[in-house]
Amino acid sequence: MNMGEKGKAGENVKKKENSNGSMALGSEAWNGLVRKSLAALGVGVSEAMLLQMAKHVKDMLFWNKTSNLTSITDPHDVAVKHVVDSGSAAVLFEGGERVIDLGTGGGFPGIPLKILVPSLDLTLVDASRKKVNFLKQVIRELSLENIRAVEGRGEELCVADGHQGQYDAVISRAFSGLDLMIPMALPFLKEGGRIIAMKGRDIEHETDLFKNLSSKTPDGEAVKAADLELDVRPYTLPDTDFDRAFMIVRRKK
């Protein structure tokens, strides 16, 4: 390689580094993407909130090297598919509600939701001890209040003291089908509470699962679609062509 070729190669490497750096987690470009995408969904976000969100996902990717928290690692995809997708649920809350996030994994949707709606009382649940330990560290580092990470399985916690009948909402993202989630989630709810399932392109299939629902909760209550109401609110994830939906289930009055 001659000197001219070396110079061009060095220039190309520099351009690549600059390009990658412009979308680094927490960079101006990354923050702008999160801000713009959330705004398109009707969610406002402050600079302080963006700092917290970036810290969360930076820690997640660091822990991911040993704890398998996510398969999504590209900064752009982390912004849209994790942070923005989770934050989209903020439009469903007024603040002050007690919420439980089942199968939260790396803290989605729970952590972004808590950052955007700080007055929520939030419980994060996952069956993996490593993931729960990660979440506890994030909670400490972000100085979040009225939030806790619990190791456990939903079908056991839903009938446990301190959880059964204690929540205004149960939320989950890609946790399980409605046929499994609804019977597990109902015992967590206070009177008038709701289940919020964040779903993707399987909306029609999930609707069919709901219509054919006939099961029992872990404490033996019969669960049938005729006793429930389903509200489906579709949206498209900004900066993608991904169709998403909130599938909200309540007991009929």
Protein backbone atom coordinates (compact mmCIF):
# COMPACT_ATOMS: atom_id res chain seq x y z
CA MET A 1 0.00 0.00 0.00
CA ASN A 2 1.46 3.39 -1.00
CA MET A 3 1.25 6.54 1.10
CA GLY A 4 -1.76 7.82 -0.82
CA GLU A 5 -3.66 4.57 -0.23
CA LYS A 6 -2.72 4.65 3.46
CA GLY A 7 -4.05 8.20 3.70
CA LYS A 8 -7.34 7.21 2.06
CA ALA A 9 -7.67 4.17 4.29
CA GLY A 10 -7.08 6.29 7.38
CA GLU A 11 -9.66 8.82 6.18
CA ASN A 12 -12.23 6.06 5.61
CA VAL A 13 -11.64 4.66 9.10
CA LYS A 14 -12.04 8.12 10.59
CA LYS A 15 -15.28 8.71 8.69
CA LYS A 16 -16.61 5.36 9.90
CA GLU A 17 -15.67 6.16 13.50
CA ASN A 18 -17.34 9.56 13.27
CA SER A 19 -20.45 8.01 11.74
CA ASN A 20 -20.71 5.43 14.50
CA GLY A 21 -19.98 8.00 17.15
CA SER A 22 -22.78 10.26 15.96
CA MET A 23 -25.30 7.58 17.01
CA ALA A 24 -23.55 6.50 20.17
CA LEU A 25 -25.82 5.92 23.14
CA GLY A 26 -26.54 9.25 24.77
CA SER A 27 -25.11 11.28 21.89
CA GLU A 28 -26.92 14.32 20.51
CA ALA A 29 -28.12 12.26 17.54
CA TRP A 30 -29.31 9.40 19.75
CA ASN A 31 -31.11 11.77 22.12
CA GLY A 32 -32.68 13.54 19.16
CA LEU A 33 -33.99 10.26 17.77
CA VAL A 34 -35.55 9.28 21.09
CA ARG A 35 -37.03 12.75 21.61
CA LYS A 36 -38.49 13.01 18.10
CA SER A 37 -39.87 9.47 18.11
CA LEU A 38 -41.53 9.82 21.50
CA ALA A 39 -43.00 13.17 20.47
CA ALA A 40 -44.55 11.49 17.43
CA LEU A 41 -46.32 9.16 19.86
CA GLY A 42 -47.52 12.02 22.06
CA VAL A 43 -44.91 11.61 24.80
CA GLY A 44 -42.74 14.50 26.01
CA VAL A 45 -39.24 13.91 27.37
CA SER A 46 -36.81 16.20 29.21
CA GLU A 47 -33.02 16.30 28.94
CA ALA A 48 -32.74 14.78 32.40
CA MET A 49 -34.98 11.90 31.33
CA LEU A 50 -32.85 11.31 28.23
CA LEU A 51 -29.74 11.10 30.42
CA GLN A 52 -31.40 8.48 32.61
CA MET A 53 -32.57 6.45 29.60
CA ALA A 54 -29.11 6.49 28.07
CA LYS A 55 -27.54 5.41 31.36
CA HIS A 56 -29.98 2.52 31.62
CA VAL A 57 -29.22 1.13 28.18
CA LYS A 58 -25.47 1.72 28.49
CA ASP A 59 -25.50 -0.37 31.66
CA MET A 60 -27.66 -2.95 29.94
CA LEU A 61 -25.23 -3.41 27.07
CA PHE A 62 -22.32 -3.65 29.50
CA TRP A 63 -24.08 -6.34 31.54
CA ASN A 64 -25.23 -7.99 28.33
CA LYS A 65 -21.72 -9.31 27.75
CA THR A 66 -22.25 -11.81 30.56
CA SER A 67 -25.97 -11.79 31.40
CA ASN A 68 -27.80 -12.11 28.03
CA LEU A 69 -30.20 -9.22 28.63
CA THR A 70 -30.96 -8.40 24.99
CA SER A 71 -30.25 -9.44 21.40
CA ILE A 72 -30.70 -5.82 20.27
CA THR A 73 -27.38 -3.96 20.55
CA ASP A 74 -27.23 -1.44 17.70
CA PRO A 75 -27.68 2.06 19.24
CA HIS A 76 -30.38 3.06 16.73
CA ASP A 77 -32.34 -0.14 17.33
CA VAL A 78 -31.91 0.13 21.09
CA ALA A 79 -33.34 3.65 20.92
CA VAL A 80 -36.38 2.75 18.85
CA LYS A 81 -37.13 -0.88 19.67
CA HIS A 82 -36.42 -0.70 23.40
CA VAL A 83 -36.57 2.87 24.71
CA VAL A 84 -39.19 4.44 22.43
CA ASP A 85 -41.34 1.33 22.23
CA SER A 86 -41.38 1.08 26.03
CA GLY A 87 -41.90 4.81 26.48
CA SER A 88 -44.91 4.78 24.17
CA ALA A 89 -46.94 3.32 27.05
CA ALA A 90 -46.60 6.59 28.99
CA VAL A 91 -49.69 7.90 27.18
CA LEU A 92 -51.76 5.31 29.05
CA PHE A 93 -50.95 6.62 32.53
CA GLU A 94 -51.91 9.76 34.42
CA GLY A 95 -49.46 9.16 37.25
CA GLY A 96 -49.78 7.77 40.75
CA GLU A 97 -50.91 4.31 39.66
CA ARG A 98 -49.44 1.16 41.11
CA VAL A 99 -48.10 -0.93 38.21
CA ILE A 100 -46.39 -4.31 37.85
CA ASP A 101 -44.23 -5.17 34.81
CA LEU A 102 -44.19 -8.92 34.19
CA GLY A 103 -41.22 -10.51 32.42
CA THR A 104 -39.39 -7.20 32.35
CA GLY A 105 -36.01 -8.64 31.27
CA GLY A 106 -33.63 -5.72 30.92
CA GLY A 107 -36.25 -3.35 32.31
CA PHE A 108 -38.67 -2.92 29.42
CA PRO A 109 -41.12 -1.35 29.41
CA GLY A 110 -40.77 -0.61 33.12
CA ILE A 111 -37.64 1.54 33.41
CA PRO A 112 -38.40 3.97 30.53
CA LEU A 113 -42.02 4.13 31.71
CA LYS A 114 -40.95 5.01 35.25
CA ILE A 115 -38.56 7.67 33.96
CA LEU A 116 -41.30 9.27 31.86
CA VAL A 117 -44.00 9.00 34.55
CA PRO A 118 -42.02 9.36 37.80
CA SER A 119 -45.07 9.23 40.09
CA LEU A 120 -45.83 5.61 39.19
CA ASP A 121 -45.29 3.02 41.91
CA LEU A 122 -43.63 0.27 39.90
CA THR A 123 -42.70 -3.35 40.52
CA LEU A 124 -40.44 -5.09 37.99
CA VAL A 125 -40.69 -8.88 37.87
CA ASP A 126 -38.43 -11.41 36.21
CA ALA A 127 -37.65 -15.06 36.90
CA SER A 128 -33.92 -14.57 36.24
CA ARG A 129 -31.80 -13.64 39.26
CA LYS A 130 -29.11 -12.10 37.03
CA LYS A 131 -31.64 -9.81 35.38
CA VAL A 132 -33.13 -8.79 38.72
CA ASN A 133 -29.66 -8.00 40.09
CA PHE A 134 -29.02 -5.84 37.04
CA LEU A 135 -32.32 -4.01 37.55
CA LYS A 136 -31.55 -3.36 41.21
CA GLN A 137 -28.26 -1.75 40.23
CA VAL A 138 -29.95 0.44 37.60
CA ILE A 139 -32.54 1.56 40.14
CA ARG A 140 -29.75 2.57 42.54
CA GLU A 141 -27.64 4.32 39.91
CA LEU A 142 -30.60 6.31 38.55
CA SER A 143 -31.81 7.14 42.08
CA LEU A 144 -35.33 6.05 41.16
CA GLU A 145 -37.90 6.03 43.96
CA ASN A 146 -41.01 3.90 44.50
CA ILE A 147 -39.69 1.14 42.24
CA ARG A 148 -38.40 -2.32 43.03
CA ALA A 149 -37.16 -5.42 41.20
CA VAL A 150 -38.50 -8.79 42.30
CA GLU A 151 -37.31 -12.25 41.35
CA GLY A 152 -40.23 -14.57 40.75
CA ARG A 153 -42.80 -16.09 38.46
CA GLY A 154 -46.06 -14.33 37.72
CA GLU A 155 -48.26 -17.35 38.39
CA GLU A 156 -46.86 -17.56 41.93
CA LEU A 157 -46.63 -13.86 42.78
CA CYS A 158 -50.19 -13.12 41.62
CA VAL A 159 -51.61 -15.02 44.61
CA ALA A 160 -48.96 -13.93 47.12
CA ASP A 161 -49.48 -11.47 49.96
CA GLY A 162 -48.46 -7.98 48.94
CA HIS A 163 -49.25 -8.64 45.28
CA GLN A 164 -52.70 -10.19 44.96
CA GLY A 165 -55.31 -7.50 44.36
CA GLN A 166 -52.75 -4.69 44.78
CA TYR A 167 -52.21 -3.17 41.31
CA ASP A 168 -53.98 -0.68 39.07
CA ALA A 169 -52.27 -2.15 36.00
CA VAL A 170 -50.29 -5.16 34.86
CA ILE A 171 -48.10 -4.41 31.86
CA SER A 172 -45.89 -6.61 29.73
CA ARG A 173 -44.04 -6.47 26.43
CA ALA A 174 -43.63 -9.67 24.40
CA PHE A 175 -44.16 -11.72 27.56
CA SER A 176 -46.72 -14.36 26.55
CA GLY A 177 -49.91 -14.84 24.58
CA LEU A 178 -53.12 -13.33 25.96
CA ASP A 179 -54.45 -16.82 26.66
CA LEU A 180 -51.67 -17.28 29.24
CA MET A 181 -51.17 -13.71 30.36
CA ILE A 182 -54.78 -12.83 31.24
CA PRO A 183 -55.37 -15.64 33.78
CA MET A 184 -51.99 -14.89 35.37
CA ALA A 185 -52.50 -11.14 35.48
CA LEU A 186 -56.09 -10.86 36.72
CA PRO A 187 -55.34 -11.79 40.38
CA PHE A 188 -52.84 -8.90 40.61
CA LEU A 189 -55.53 -6.30 39.86
CA LYS A 190 -57.49 -4.04 42.11
CA GLU A 191 -61.15 -3.53 41.23
CA GLY A 192 -61.25 -1.60 37.97
CA GLY A 193 -57.64 -2.46 37.12
CA ARG A 194 -56.40 -3.29 33.64
CA ILE A 195 -53.99 -5.54 31.80
CA ILE A 196 -51.81 -3.86 29.16
CA ALA A 197 -50.15 -6.21 26.69
CA MET A 198 -47.76 -4.54 24.24
CA LYS A 199 -47.91 -6.56 21.03
CA GLY A 200 -46.48 -6.53 17.52
CA ARG A 201 -47.59 -8.00 14.24
CA ASP A 202 -49.39 -10.87 15.95
CA ILE A 203 -52.38 -8.69 16.86
CA GLU A 204 -54.91 -10.72 14.87
CA HIS A 205 -53.66 -13.96 16.41
CA GLU A 206 -53.79 -12.43 19.90
CA THR A 207 -57.35 -11.23 19.27
CA ASP A 208 -58.33 -14.79 18.36
CA LEU A 209 -56.70 -16.07 21.54
CA PHE A 210 -58.78 -13.58 23.52
CA LYS A 211 -62.05 -14.51 21.80
CA ASN A 212 -61.49 -18.19 22.54
CA LEU A 213 -60.30 -17.67 26.10
CA SER A 214 -61.58 -20.20 28.60
CA SER A 215 -59.27 -20.83 31.53
CA LYS A 216 -58.72 -20.41 35.26
CA THR A 217 -56.51 -18.10 37.30
CA PRO A 218 -53.88 -19.66 39.61
CA ASP A 219 -56.32 -19.17 42.51
CA GLY A 220 -59.10 -21.01 40.68
CA GLU A 221 -61.27 -18.21 39.28
CA ALA A 222 -62.91 -19.06 35.94
CA VAL A 223 -61.78 -16.76 33.12
CA LYS A 224 -63.87 -16.36 29.97
CA ALA A 225 -63.77 -13.76 27.20
CA ALA A 226 -67.47 -13.04 27.80
CA ASP A 227 -66.59 -11.59 31.21
CA LEU A 228 -63.87 -9.30 29.83
CA GLU A 229 -63.55 -6.41 27.41
CA LEU A 230 -60.66 -5.89 24.99
CA ASP A 231 -59.54 -2.48 23.73
CA VAL A 232 -56.98 -2.64 20.89
CA ARG A 233 -55.04 0.56 20.16
CA PRO A 234 -52.72 0.13 17.14
CA TYR A 235 -49.80 2.39 16.27
CA THR A 236 -46.65 2.31 14.16
CA LEU A 237 -43.28 2.57 15.84
CA PRO A 238 -41.63 5.80 14.57
CA ASP A 239 -38.64 5.49 12.24
CA THR A 240 -39.73 1.92 11.40
CA ASP A 241 -42.54 0.10 9.62
CA PHE A 242 -43.27 -1.98 12.72
CA ASP A 243 -46.95 -2.24 13.55
CA ARG A 244 -47.59 -2.30 17.27
CA ALA A 245 -50.63 -2.24 19.53
CA PHE A 246 -51.66 -1.84 23.12
CA MET A 247 -54.10 -4.63 23.92
CA ILE A 248 -55.94 -3.52 27.05
CA VAL A 249 -58.10 -5.95 28.97
CA ARG A 250 -60.52 -5.20 31.81
CA ARG A 251 -63.21 -7.06 33.65
CA LYS A 252 -66.66 -6.01 32.50
CA LYS A 253 -68.54 -3.93 35.05
